[in-house]
């Protein structure tokens, strides 16, 4: 098999440890017979809030990661609100409010990453050998179907007929990561992490 020339990438917010632990607990509590194998915290499935997904050439990856860093490291740490849990088809998630600061970061990442976008990726661009056609199509169509006005920030928990019930809460986010995607468009391998500007540095 020839080495992959493209990598399926997710630029995502990594929630703080307390929120990651909650997401992992909620994911683990979903019915096993409905999970389809997606359980956060297992097999390196990382809780995350996607800002961008796209295919990037292996030869351009270092430059891409640097460009993302240029954007992220100018942005302030985020105050986010988890509004409850949602569901679509068989997927369940923790919903995140579309705050102006979060939408601005999403838009800035989209713009910075556009020159590196390659629409010809396939399953070889993902971690492992089990990416679905649906995963390839999701990454290919992220800009047209899941960004801009269609951007719905969330933390995917897994698969279930019904979402868990959880009260809304606020939390801060200080870390963004570029990740290599795997099956279910899950973050499986962290390529690089970036720190948002602490709010205290503005005081």
N, C-alpha and C. Protein backbone atom coordinates (compact mmCIF):
# COMPACT_ATOMS: atom_id res chain seq x y z
N UNK A 1 0.84 -1.20 0.00
CA UNK A 1 0.00 0.00 0.00
C UNK A 1 0.88 1.25 0.00
N UNK A 2 0.56 2.19 -0.87
CA UNK A 2 1.31 3.42 -0.93
C UNK A 2 1.01 4.29 0.29
N UNK A 3 2.00 5.06 0.77
CA UNK A 3 1.73 5.95 1.91
C UNK A 3 0.71 7.01 1.54
N UNK A 4 -0.09 7.41 2.54
CA UNK A 4 -1.12 8.43 2.30
C UNK A 4 -0.48 9.75 1.92
N UNK A 5 -1.06 10.44 0.96
CA UNK A 5 -0.57 11.76 0.57
C UNK A 5 -1.39 12.88 1.20
N UNK A 6 -2.56 12.54 1.76
CA UNK A 6 -3.43 13.50 2.43
C UNK A 6 -3.74 13.02 3.84
N UNK A 7 -4.00 13.97 4.72
CA UNK A 7 -4.40 13.67 6.09
C UNK A 7 -5.73 14.35 6.38
N UNK A 8 -6.67 13.59 6.94
CA UNK A 8 -7.95 14.16 7.37
C UNK A 8 -7.73 14.83 8.72
N UNK A 9 -7.92 16.15 8.76
CA UNK A 9 -7.56 16.96 9.91
C UNK A 9 -8.80 17.59 10.54
N UNK A 10 -8.79 17.66 11.85
CA UNK A 10 -9.81 18.40 12.62
C UNK A 10 -9.08 19.43 13.46
N UNK A 11 -9.41 20.71 13.28
CA UNK A 11 -8.95 21.74 14.21
C UNK A 11 -10.07 21.92 15.21
N UNK A 12 -9.77 21.70 16.49
CA UNK A 12 -10.83 21.61 17.49
C UNK A 12 -10.41 22.23 18.81
N UNK A 13 -11.40 22.68 19.56
CA UNK A 13 -11.18 23.10 20.94
C UNK A 13 -11.15 21.86 21.81
N UNK A 14 -10.14 21.74 22.66
CA UNK A 14 -10.12 20.68 23.66
C UNK A 14 -10.71 21.24 24.94
N UNK A 15 -11.82 20.68 25.42
CA UNK A 15 -12.43 21.22 26.64
C UNK A 15 -11.54 20.98 27.84
N UNK A 16 -11.75 21.73 28.92
CA UNK A 16 -10.94 21.53 30.13
C UNK A 16 -11.19 20.14 30.72
N UNK A 17 -10.28 19.67 31.59
CA UNK A 17 -10.38 18.30 32.12
C UNK A 17 -11.74 17.96 32.72
N UNK A 18 -12.35 18.89 33.45
CA UNK A 18 -13.63 18.58 34.09
C UNK A 18 -14.71 18.30 33.06
N UNK A 19 -14.72 19.05 31.96
CA UNK A 19 -15.72 18.84 30.92
C UNK A 19 -15.40 17.58 30.12
N UNK A 20 -14.12 17.33 29.87
CA UNK A 20 -13.73 16.09 29.19
C UNK A 20 -14.15 14.87 30.00
N UNK A 21 -13.94 14.93 31.33
CA UNK A 21 -14.33 13.80 32.17
C UNK A 21 -15.84 13.57 32.12
N UNK A 22 -16.60 14.67 32.14
CA UNK A 22 -18.05 14.55 32.07
C UNK A 22 -18.47 13.93 30.74
N UNK A 23 -17.88 14.38 29.65
CA UNK A 23 -18.21 13.83 28.33
C UNK A 23 -17.88 12.35 28.26
N UNK A 24 -16.75 11.95 28.82
CA UNK A 24 -16.35 10.54 28.83
C UNK A 24 -17.33 9.71 29.66
N UNK A 25 -17.75 10.25 30.81
CA UNK A 25 -18.71 9.54 31.65
C UNK A 25 -20.06 9.38 30.95
N UNK A 26 -20.53 10.45 30.29
CA UNK A 26 -21.79 10.37 29.57
C UNK A 26 -21.71 9.39 28.40
N UNK A 27 -20.57 9.40 27.72
CA UNK A 27 -20.37 8.49 26.60
C UNK A 27 -20.38 7.03 27.07
N UNK A 28 -19.69 6.78 28.17
CA UNK A 28 -19.60 5.41 28.69
C UNK A 28 -20.95 4.89 29.16
N UNK A 29 -21.85 5.80 29.56
CA UNK A 29 -23.15 5.40 30.08
C UNK A 29 -24.18 5.14 28.97
N UNK A 30 -23.85 5.44 27.72
CA UNK A 30 -24.77 5.17 26.62
C UNK A 30 -24.91 3.66 26.43
N UNK A 31 -26.06 3.20 25.94
CA UNK A 31 -26.26 1.76 25.77
C UNK A 31 -25.19 1.13 24.88
N UNK A 32 -24.55 0.08 25.38
CA UNK A 32 -23.46 -0.55 24.64
C UNK A 32 -23.91 -1.07 23.29
N UNK A 33 -25.12 -1.60 23.22
CA UNK A 33 -25.58 -2.18 21.97
C UNK A 33 -25.95 -1.15 20.92
N UNK A 34 -25.88 0.15 21.28
CA UNK A 34 -26.17 1.22 20.34
C UNK A 34 -24.93 2.04 19.99
N UNK A 35 -23.81 1.77 20.64
CA UNK A 35 -22.64 2.66 20.56
C UNK A 35 -21.94 2.62 19.22
N UNK A 36 -22.05 1.52 18.48
CA UNK A 36 -21.35 1.31 17.20
C UNK A 36 -19.84 1.36 17.37
N UNK A 37 -19.37 1.29 18.62
CA UNK A 37 -17.93 1.28 18.87
C UNK A 37 -17.32 2.62 19.21
N UNK A 38 -18.13 3.68 19.19
CA UNK A 38 -17.62 5.01 19.53
C UNK A 38 -17.88 5.30 21.01
N UNK A 39 -16.81 5.23 21.81
CA UNK A 39 -16.89 5.52 23.25
C UNK A 39 -15.74 6.45 23.58
N UNK A 40 -16.04 7.66 24.02
CA UNK A 40 -14.99 8.63 24.33
C UNK A 40 -14.06 8.09 25.41
N UNK A 41 -12.77 8.42 25.27
CA UNK A 41 -11.79 7.96 26.23
C UNK A 41 -11.26 6.57 25.95
N UNK A 42 -11.89 5.85 25.06
CA UNK A 42 -11.45 4.51 24.68
C UNK A 42 -10.88 4.56 23.28
N UNK A 43 -9.79 3.80 23.04
CA UNK A 43 -9.15 3.77 21.72
C UNK A 43 -8.79 5.17 21.22
N UNK A 44 -8.42 6.04 22.16
CA UNK A 44 -7.95 7.38 21.83
C UNK A 44 -9.03 8.28 21.22
N UNK A 45 -10.30 8.02 21.49
CA UNK A 45 -11.35 8.94 21.07
C UNK A 45 -11.34 10.14 22.01
N UNK A 46 -10.98 11.30 21.49
CA UNK A 46 -10.74 12.50 22.30
C UNK A 46 -11.96 13.42 22.29
N UNK A 47 -12.50 13.80 23.45
CA UNK A 47 -13.58 14.79 23.46
C UNK A 47 -13.10 16.10 22.85
N UNK A 48 -13.94 16.72 22.01
CA UNK A 48 -13.50 17.93 21.31
C UNK A 48 -14.69 18.69 20.75
N UNK A 49 -14.46 19.96 20.43
CA UNK A 49 -15.45 20.82 19.77
C UNK A 49 -14.85 21.22 18.43
N UNK A 50 -15.35 20.66 17.36
CA UNK A 50 -14.79 20.90 16.03
C UNK A 50 -14.96 22.34 15.57
N UNK A 51 -13.88 22.91 15.07
CA UNK A 51 -13.91 24.22 14.40
C UNK A 51 -13.79 24.08 12.89
N UNK A 52 -13.08 23.04 12.44
CA UNK A 52 -12.81 22.84 11.02
C UNK A 52 -12.44 21.38 10.79
N UNK A 53 -12.91 20.83 9.67
CA UNK A 53 -12.41 19.55 9.18
C UNK A 53 -12.09 19.71 7.70
N UNK A 54 -10.95 19.16 7.29
CA UNK A 54 -10.60 19.18 5.88
C UNK A 54 -9.44 18.22 5.64
N UNK A 55 -9.17 17.96 4.36
CA UNK A 55 -8.00 17.17 3.97
C UNK A 55 -6.85 18.12 3.68
N UNK A 56 -5.66 17.76 4.19
CA UNK A 56 -4.45 18.57 4.01
C UNK A 56 -3.35 17.66 3.46
N UNK A 57 -2.59 18.15 2.50
CA UNK A 57 -1.48 17.38 1.96
C UNK A 57 -0.40 17.14 3.00
N UNK A 58 0.15 15.94 3.00
CA UNK A 58 1.23 15.61 3.94
C UNK A 58 2.39 16.59 3.78
N UNK A 59 2.71 16.94 2.55
CA UNK A 59 3.85 17.83 2.30
C UNK A 59 3.58 19.27 2.75
N UNK A 60 2.31 19.62 2.97
CA UNK A 60 1.96 20.98 3.41
C UNK A 60 1.61 21.04 4.89
N UNK A 61 1.69 19.91 5.58
CA UNK A 61 1.18 19.85 6.95
C UNK A 61 1.92 20.80 7.89
N UNK A 62 3.22 20.87 7.82
CA UNK A 62 3.97 21.74 8.73
C UNK A 62 3.56 23.20 8.55
N UNK A 63 3.40 23.62 7.29
CA UNK A 63 2.98 25.00 7.04
C UNK A 63 1.56 25.23 7.52
N UNK A 64 0.69 24.27 7.28
CA UNK A 64 -0.70 24.35 7.75
C UNK A 64 -0.76 24.50 9.26
N UNK A 65 -0.02 23.67 9.98
CA UNK A 65 -0.02 23.74 11.44
C UNK A 65 0.49 25.09 11.93
N UNK A 66 1.49 25.63 11.24
CA UNK A 66 2.00 26.95 11.60
C UNK A 66 0.98 28.04 11.36
N UNK A 67 0.22 27.94 10.25
CA UNK A 67 -0.80 28.95 9.94
C UNK A 67 -1.93 28.91 10.97
N UNK A 68 -2.33 27.71 11.37
CA UNK A 68 -3.34 27.60 12.42
C UNK A 68 -2.84 28.25 13.71
N UNK A 69 -1.59 27.99 14.04
CA UNK A 69 -1.01 28.60 15.24
C UNK A 69 -1.00 30.11 15.19
N UNK A 70 -0.73 30.68 14.01
CA UNK A 70 -0.73 32.13 13.86
C UNK A 70 -2.10 32.72 14.23
N UNK A 71 -3.16 32.01 13.87
CA UNK A 71 -4.52 32.48 14.16
C UNK A 71 -4.87 32.27 15.62
N UNK A 72 -4.67 31.06 16.10
CA UNK A 72 -5.12 30.70 17.45
C UNK A 72 -4.41 31.52 18.51
N UNK A 73 -3.13 31.72 18.34
CA UNK A 73 -2.36 32.37 19.38
C UNK A 73 -2.59 33.87 19.46
N UNK A 74 -3.47 34.40 18.59
CA UNK A 74 -3.92 35.79 18.71
C UNK A 74 -5.30 35.91 19.36
N UNK A 75 -5.93 34.75 19.61
CA UNK A 75 -7.30 34.74 20.10
C UNK A 75 -7.35 34.61 21.62
N UNK A 76 -8.32 35.29 22.21
CA UNK A 76 -8.50 35.20 23.66
C UNK A 76 -9.11 33.86 24.05
N UNK A 77 -8.81 33.42 25.28
CA UNK A 77 -9.47 32.26 25.84
C UNK A 77 -10.98 32.46 25.80
N UNK A 78 -11.72 31.38 25.67
CA UNK A 78 -13.16 31.45 25.44
C UNK A 78 -13.97 31.12 26.69
N UNK A 79 -15.04 31.85 26.87
CA UNK A 79 -16.06 31.50 27.86
C UNK A 79 -17.21 30.86 27.10
N UNK A 80 -17.45 29.58 27.34
CA UNK A 80 -18.43 28.81 26.58
C UNK A 80 -19.58 28.36 27.48
N UNK A 81 -20.70 28.05 26.86
CA UNK A 81 -21.86 27.55 27.59
C UNK A 81 -22.36 26.26 26.95
N UNK A 82 -22.44 25.21 27.76
CA UNK A 82 -23.05 23.96 27.35
C UNK A 82 -24.54 24.08 27.63
N UNK A 83 -25.37 23.96 26.58
CA UNK A 83 -26.79 24.26 26.71
C UNK A 83 -27.67 23.03 26.92
N UNK A 84 -27.09 21.84 26.89
CA UNK A 84 -27.86 20.61 27.02
C UNK A 84 -27.36 19.59 26.03
N UNK A 85 -28.08 18.50 25.87
CA UNK A 85 -27.68 17.46 24.93
C UNK A 85 -28.64 17.42 23.75
N UNK A 86 -28.10 17.07 22.58
CA UNK A 86 -28.89 17.00 21.37
C UNK A 86 -28.70 15.68 20.66
N UNK A 87 -29.48 15.47 19.62
CA UNK A 87 -29.39 14.23 18.85
C UNK A 87 -29.73 14.49 17.40
N UNK A 88 -29.13 13.71 16.52
CA UNK A 88 -29.43 13.77 15.11
C UNK A 88 -29.12 12.42 14.52
N UNK A 89 -30.09 11.82 13.83
CA UNK A 89 -29.95 10.44 13.38
C UNK A 89 -29.70 9.59 14.61
N UNK A 90 -28.59 8.88 14.68
CA UNK A 90 -28.31 8.06 15.87
C UNK A 90 -27.18 8.64 16.71
N UNK A 91 -26.72 9.85 16.40
CA UNK A 91 -25.62 10.47 17.12
C UNK A 91 -26.16 11.38 18.23
N UNK A 92 -25.49 11.36 19.38
CA UNK A 92 -25.88 12.25 20.48
C UNK A 92 -24.68 13.10 20.87
N UNK A 93 -24.95 14.31 21.38
CA UNK A 93 -23.87 15.24 21.68
C UNK A 93 -24.24 16.20 22.79
N UNK A 94 -23.23 16.90 23.31
CA UNK A 94 -23.41 18.04 24.20
C UNK A 94 -23.40 19.29 23.34
N UNK A 95 -24.48 20.07 23.38
CA UNK A 95 -24.59 21.26 22.55
C UNK A 95 -23.86 22.44 23.19
N UNK A 96 -23.15 23.22 22.36
CA UNK A 96 -22.41 24.39 22.81
C UNK A 96 -23.02 25.63 22.16
N UNK A 97 -23.24 26.65 22.96
CA UNK A 97 -23.83 27.89 22.44
C UNK A 97 -22.91 28.54 21.41
N UNK A 98 -23.53 29.08 20.35
CA UNK A 98 -22.78 29.79 19.29
C UNK A 98 -22.49 31.22 19.75
N UNK A 99 -21.52 31.39 20.62
CA UNK A 99 -21.17 32.73 21.08
C UNK A 99 -20.44 33.47 19.96
N UNK A 100 -20.49 34.81 19.96
CA UNK A 100 -19.77 35.57 18.93
C UNK A 100 -18.27 35.26 18.89
N UNK A 101 -17.65 35.09 20.05
CA UNK A 101 -16.21 34.80 20.07
C UNK A 101 -15.91 33.43 19.46
N UNK A 102 -16.77 32.45 19.73
CA UNK A 102 -16.57 31.12 19.18
C UNK A 102 -16.77 31.13 17.67
N UNK A 103 -17.78 31.81 17.20
CA UNK A 103 -18.02 31.90 15.76
C UNK A 103 -16.87 32.65 15.08
N UNK A 104 -16.34 33.67 15.72
CA UNK A 104 -15.21 34.41 15.15
C UNK A 104 -13.97 33.52 15.01
N UNK A 105 -13.70 32.70 16.03
CA UNK A 105 -12.56 31.79 15.95
C UNK A 105 -12.77 30.77 14.83
N UNK A 106 -13.96 30.22 14.75
CA UNK A 106 -14.31 29.28 13.67
C UNK A 106 -14.06 29.92 12.30
N UNK A 107 -14.54 31.13 12.12
CA UNK A 107 -14.39 31.82 10.83
C UNK A 107 -12.93 32.10 10.50
N UNK A 108 -12.17 32.50 11.51
CA UNK A 108 -10.75 32.80 11.30
C UNK A 108 -9.97 31.55 10.90
N UNK A 109 -10.30 30.43 11.54
CA UNK A 109 -9.64 29.16 11.20
C UNK A 109 -10.02 28.73 9.78
N UNK A 110 -11.29 28.87 9.42
CA UNK A 110 -11.72 28.53 8.06
C UNK A 110 -10.92 29.32 7.03
N UNK A 111 -10.79 30.61 7.23
CA UNK A 111 -10.08 31.46 6.27
C UNK A 111 -8.61 31.08 6.17
N UNK A 112 -7.97 30.86 7.32
CA UNK A 112 -6.54 30.55 7.32
C UNK A 112 -6.25 29.20 6.67
N UNK A 113 -7.18 28.26 6.82
CA UNK A 113 -6.94 26.90 6.32
C UNK A 113 -7.35 26.70 4.87
N UNK A 114 -8.09 27.64 4.30
CA UNK A 114 -8.62 27.47 2.94
C UNK A 114 -7.55 27.14 1.91
N UNK A 115 -6.39 27.82 1.89
CA UNK A 115 -5.39 27.49 0.86
C UNK A 115 -4.88 26.06 0.93
N UNK A 116 -5.10 25.38 2.04
CA UNK A 116 -4.58 24.02 2.22
C UNK A 116 -5.65 22.95 1.98
N UNK A 117 -6.87 23.37 1.67
CA UNK A 117 -7.99 22.44 1.54
C UNK A 117 -7.86 21.61 0.27
N UNK A 118 -7.94 20.29 0.43
CA UNK A 118 -7.89 19.37 -0.70
C UNK A 118 -9.13 18.50 -0.66
N UNK A 119 -9.90 18.50 -1.74
CA UNK A 119 -11.21 17.85 -1.75
C UNK A 119 -11.17 16.42 -2.28
N UNK A 120 -9.99 15.86 -2.40
CA UNK A 120 -9.87 14.54 -3.05
C UNK A 120 -9.45 13.45 -2.07
N UNK A 121 -9.71 13.64 -0.77
CA UNK A 121 -9.29 12.65 0.20
C UNK A 121 -10.12 11.38 0.14
N UNK A 122 -9.56 10.31 0.71
CA UNK A 122 -10.27 9.04 0.81
C UNK A 122 -9.96 8.41 2.16
N UNK A 123 -10.36 7.16 2.35
CA UNK A 123 -10.21 6.51 3.65
C UNK A 123 -8.76 6.40 4.09
N UNK A 124 -7.82 6.42 3.15
CA UNK A 124 -6.40 6.31 3.50
C UNK A 124 -5.91 7.53 4.27
N UNK A 125 -6.66 8.63 4.23
CA UNK A 125 -6.25 9.86 4.93
C UNK A 125 -6.56 9.81 6.42
N UNK A 126 -7.30 8.80 6.87
CA UNK A 126 -7.74 8.69 8.25
C UNK A 126 -6.84 7.74 9.04
N UNK A 127 -6.88 7.86 10.36
CA UNK A 127 -6.19 6.92 11.24
C UNK A 127 -6.85 5.55 11.08
N UNK A 128 -6.03 4.51 10.95
CA UNK A 128 -6.56 3.16 10.82
C UNK A 128 -7.05 2.87 9.42
N UNK A 129 -7.72 1.75 9.27
CA UNK A 129 -8.18 1.32 7.94
C UNK A 129 -9.70 1.17 7.90
N UNK A 130 -10.40 1.76 8.88
CA UNK A 130 -11.83 1.50 9.00
C UNK A 130 -12.70 2.74 8.84
N UNK A 131 -12.16 3.81 8.25
CA UNK A 131 -13.00 4.99 8.00
C UNK A 131 -14.12 4.63 7.04
N UNK A 132 -15.30 5.19 7.29
CA UNK A 132 -16.47 4.91 6.47
C UNK A 132 -16.55 5.89 5.29
N UNK A 133 -17.28 5.50 4.26
CA UNK A 133 -17.53 6.44 3.16
C UNK A 133 -18.18 7.71 3.70
N UNK A 134 -19.05 7.56 4.70
CA UNK A 134 -19.72 8.70 5.30
C UNK A 134 -18.71 9.65 5.95
N UNK A 135 -17.64 9.10 6.53
CA UNK A 135 -16.61 9.95 7.14
C UNK A 135 -15.90 10.78 6.07
N UNK A 136 -15.55 10.13 4.97
CA UNK A 136 -14.89 10.83 3.86
C UNK A 136 -15.79 11.94 3.32
N UNK A 137 -17.06 11.62 3.13
CA UNK A 137 -18.00 12.61 2.60
C UNK A 137 -18.21 13.77 3.56
N UNK A 138 -18.20 13.48 4.87
CA UNK A 138 -18.41 14.54 5.87
C UNK A 138 -17.25 15.54 5.83
N UNK A 139 -16.02 15.03 5.80
CA UNK A 139 -14.86 15.93 5.76
C UNK A 139 -14.84 16.70 4.45
N UNK A 140 -15.11 16.02 3.35
CA UNK A 140 -15.13 16.68 2.04
C UNK A 140 -16.13 17.83 2.01
N UNK A 141 -17.30 17.63 2.64
CA UNK A 141 -18.36 18.63 2.58
C UNK A 141 -18.45 19.53 3.78
N UNK A 142 -17.45 19.53 4.66
CA UNK A 142 -17.56 20.32 5.89
C UNK A 142 -17.78 21.79 5.61
N UNK A 143 -17.02 22.36 4.70
CA UNK A 143 -17.15 23.81 4.44
C UNK A 143 -18.54 24.16 3.90
N UNK A 144 -19.09 23.32 3.04
CA UNK A 144 -20.37 23.65 2.41
C UNK A 144 -21.56 23.30 3.29
N UNK A 145 -21.42 22.30 4.18
CA UNK A 145 -22.59 21.84 4.93
C UNK A 145 -22.54 22.10 6.43
N UNK A 146 -21.34 22.33 6.99
CA UNK A 146 -21.24 22.39 8.45
C UNK A 146 -20.52 23.63 8.97
N UNK A 147 -20.23 24.59 8.12
CA UNK A 147 -19.51 25.77 8.56
C UNK A 147 -20.36 27.02 8.35
N UNK A 148 -19.83 28.16 8.77
CA UNK A 148 -20.56 29.42 8.59
C UNK A 148 -21.90 29.38 9.30
N UNK A 149 -22.99 29.72 8.60
CA UNK A 149 -24.32 29.72 9.22
C UNK A 149 -24.74 28.34 9.73
N UNK A 150 -24.15 27.27 9.17
CA UNK A 150 -24.50 25.90 9.56
C UNK A 150 -23.62 25.36 10.68
N UNK A 151 -22.70 26.18 11.19
CA UNK A 151 -21.80 25.74 12.27
C UNK A 151 -22.60 25.50 13.54
N UNK A 152 -22.54 24.27 14.06
CA UNK A 152 -23.24 23.89 15.27
C UNK A 152 -22.22 23.28 16.25
N UNK A 153 -21.60 24.11 17.09
CA UNK A 153 -20.57 23.59 17.99
C UNK A 153 -21.14 22.58 18.97
N UNK A 154 -20.40 21.51 19.21
CA UNK A 154 -20.88 20.44 20.08
C UNK A 154 -19.72 19.51 20.44
N UNK A 155 -19.96 18.67 21.42
CA UNK A 155 -19.04 17.58 21.76
C UNK A 155 -19.79 16.28 21.51
N UNK A 156 -19.39 15.54 20.49
CA UNK A 156 -20.03 14.26 20.20
C UNK A 156 -19.77 13.27 21.33
N UNK A 157 -20.85 12.62 21.79
CA UNK A 157 -20.73 11.63 22.87
C UNK A 157 -20.72 10.20 22.34
N UNK A 158 -21.42 9.97 21.25
CA UNK A 158 -21.49 8.61 20.71
C UNK A 158 -22.79 8.41 19.99
N UNK A 159 -23.28 7.17 20.01
CA UNK A 159 -24.51 6.83 19.34
C UNK A 159 -25.51 6.25 20.34
N UNK A 160 -26.75 6.68 20.21
CA UNK A 160 -27.81 6.19 21.08
C UNK A 160 -29.14 6.67 20.51
N UNK A 161 -30.22 5.99 20.90
CA UNK A 161 -31.54 6.39 20.46
C UNK A 161 -32.00 7.67 21.14
N UNK A 162 -31.52 7.88 22.38
CA UNK A 162 -31.90 9.08 23.13
C UNK A 162 -30.67 9.72 23.74
N UNK A 163 -30.60 11.05 23.76
CA UNK A 163 -29.47 11.73 24.39
C UNK A 163 -29.62 11.71 25.91
N UNK A 164 -28.52 11.80 26.65
CA UNK A 164 -28.63 11.94 28.10
C UNK A 164 -29.20 13.31 28.46
N UNK A 165 -29.66 13.44 29.70
CA UNK A 165 -30.18 14.70 30.19
C UNK A 165 -29.13 15.34 31.08
N UNK A 166 -28.84 16.61 30.81
CA UNK A 166 -27.81 17.31 31.59
C UNK A 166 -28.18 18.79 31.67
N UNK A 167 -27.98 19.37 32.84
CA UNK A 167 -28.30 20.79 33.04
C UNK A 167 -27.24 21.66 32.37
N UNK A 168 -27.62 22.80 31.83
CA UNK A 168 -26.64 23.73 31.22
C UNK A 168 -25.61 24.20 32.24
N UNK A 169 -24.42 24.51 31.74
CA UNK A 169 -23.38 25.07 32.60
C UNK A 169 -22.39 25.84 31.75
N UNK A 170 -21.63 26.72 32.39
CA UNK A 170 -20.59 27.51 31.73
C UNK A 170 -19.21 26.92 32.01
N UNK A 171 -18.30 27.10 31.07
CA UNK A 171 -16.92 26.66 31.27
C UNK A 171 -15.99 27.47 30.39
N UNK A 172 -14.71 27.45 30.73
CA UNK A 172 -13.71 28.15 29.95
C UNK A 172 -12.92 27.19 29.09
N UNK A 173 -12.42 27.68 27.96
CA UNK A 173 -11.61 26.87 27.06
C UNK A 173 -10.34 27.64 26.71
N UNK A 174 -9.20 26.99 26.86
CA UNK A 174 -7.92 27.65 26.65
C UNK A 174 -7.03 26.93 25.63
N UNK A 175 -7.49 25.78 25.12
CA UNK A 175 -6.62 24.96 24.27
C UNK A 175 -7.31 24.59 22.98
N UNK A 176 -6.59 24.74 21.87
CA UNK A 176 -7.03 24.29 20.56
C UNK A 176 -6.01 23.26 20.07
N UNK A 177 -6.48 22.26 19.33
CA UNK A 177 -5.57 21.24 18.82
C UNK A 177 -5.87 20.95 17.36
N UNK A 178 -4.84 20.59 16.63
CA UNK A 178 -5.01 20.01 15.30
C UNK A 178 -4.89 18.51 15.47
N UNK A 179 -5.89 17.77 15.01
CA UNK A 179 -5.96 16.33 15.25
C UNK A 179 -6.09 15.57 13.93
N UNK A 180 -5.59 14.34 13.94
CA UNK A 180 -5.76 13.42 12.82
C UNK A 180 -7.05 12.65 13.07
N UNK A 181 -7.96 12.69 12.11
CA UNK A 181 -9.26 12.07 12.27
C UNK A 181 -9.23 10.57 12.03
N UNK A 182 -10.14 9.87 12.71
CA UNK A 182 -10.34 8.45 12.51
C UNK A 182 -11.80 8.17 12.18
N UNK A 183 -12.20 6.93 12.34
CA UNK A 183 -13.57 6.51 12.08
C UNK A 183 -14.55 7.37 12.88
N UNK A 184 -15.71 7.62 12.34
CA UNK A 184 -16.74 8.49 12.91
C UNK A 184 -16.31 9.96 12.93
N UNK A 185 -15.27 10.32 12.14
CA UNK A 185 -14.72 11.69 12.17
C UNK A 185 -14.36 12.08 13.60
N UNK A 186 -13.77 11.14 14.31
CA UNK A 186 -13.35 11.36 15.69
C UNK A 186 -11.89 11.81 15.72
N UNK A 187 -11.56 12.63 16.72
CA UNK A 187 -10.17 13.03 16.92
C UNK A 187 -9.43 11.86 17.56
N UNK A 188 -8.47 11.28 16.84
CA UNK A 188 -7.79 10.09 17.31
C UNK A 188 -6.33 10.34 17.67
N UNK A 189 -5.71 11.30 17.03
CA UNK A 189 -4.29 11.56 17.29
C UNK A 189 -4.05 13.06 17.24
N UNK A 190 -3.54 13.60 18.33
CA UNK A 190 -3.27 15.04 18.39
C UNK A 190 -1.94 15.34 17.71
N UNK A 191 -1.99 16.19 16.70
CA UNK A 191 -0.79 16.56 15.94
C UNK A 191 -0.06 17.73 16.57
N UNK A 192 -0.82 18.72 17.07
CA UNK A 192 -0.22 19.88 17.73
C UNK A 192 -1.29 20.58 18.57
N UNK A 193 -0.86 21.13 19.69
CA UNK A 193 -1.78 21.91 20.53
C UNK A 193 -1.33 23.37 20.55
N UNK A 194 -2.31 24.25 20.79
CA UNK A 194 -2.07 25.69 20.82
C UNK A 194 -2.81 26.27 22.01
N UNK A 195 -2.23 27.29 22.61
CA UNK A 195 -2.87 27.96 23.74
C UNK A 195 -3.50 29.27 23.31
N UNK A 196 -4.76 29.46 23.66
CA UNK A 196 -5.40 30.74 23.46
C UNK A 196 -4.83 31.76 24.44
N UNK A 197 -4.93 33.03 24.12
CA UNK A 197 -4.36 34.09 24.96
C UNK A 197 -5.15 34.16 26.27
N UNK A 198 -4.49 34.04 27.43
CA UNK A 198 -5.21 34.14 28.71
C UNK A 198 -5.92 35.47 28.83
N UNK A 199 -7.12 35.46 29.37
CA UNK A 199 -7.88 36.69 29.53
C UNK A 199 -7.16 37.67 30.44
N UNK A 200 -6.42 37.17 31.41
CA UNK A 200 -5.72 38.04 32.36
C UNK A 200 -4.67 38.90 31.68
N UNK A 201 -4.19 38.45 30.49
CA UNK A 201 -3.16 39.24 29.81
C UNK A 201 -3.72 40.53 29.23
N UNK A 202 -5.06 40.65 29.21
CA UNK A 202 -5.71 41.86 28.70
C UNK A 202 -6.01 42.85 29.82
N UNK A 203 -5.82 42.43 31.05
CA UNK A 203 -6.16 43.29 32.19
C UNK A 203 -5.04 44.24 32.53
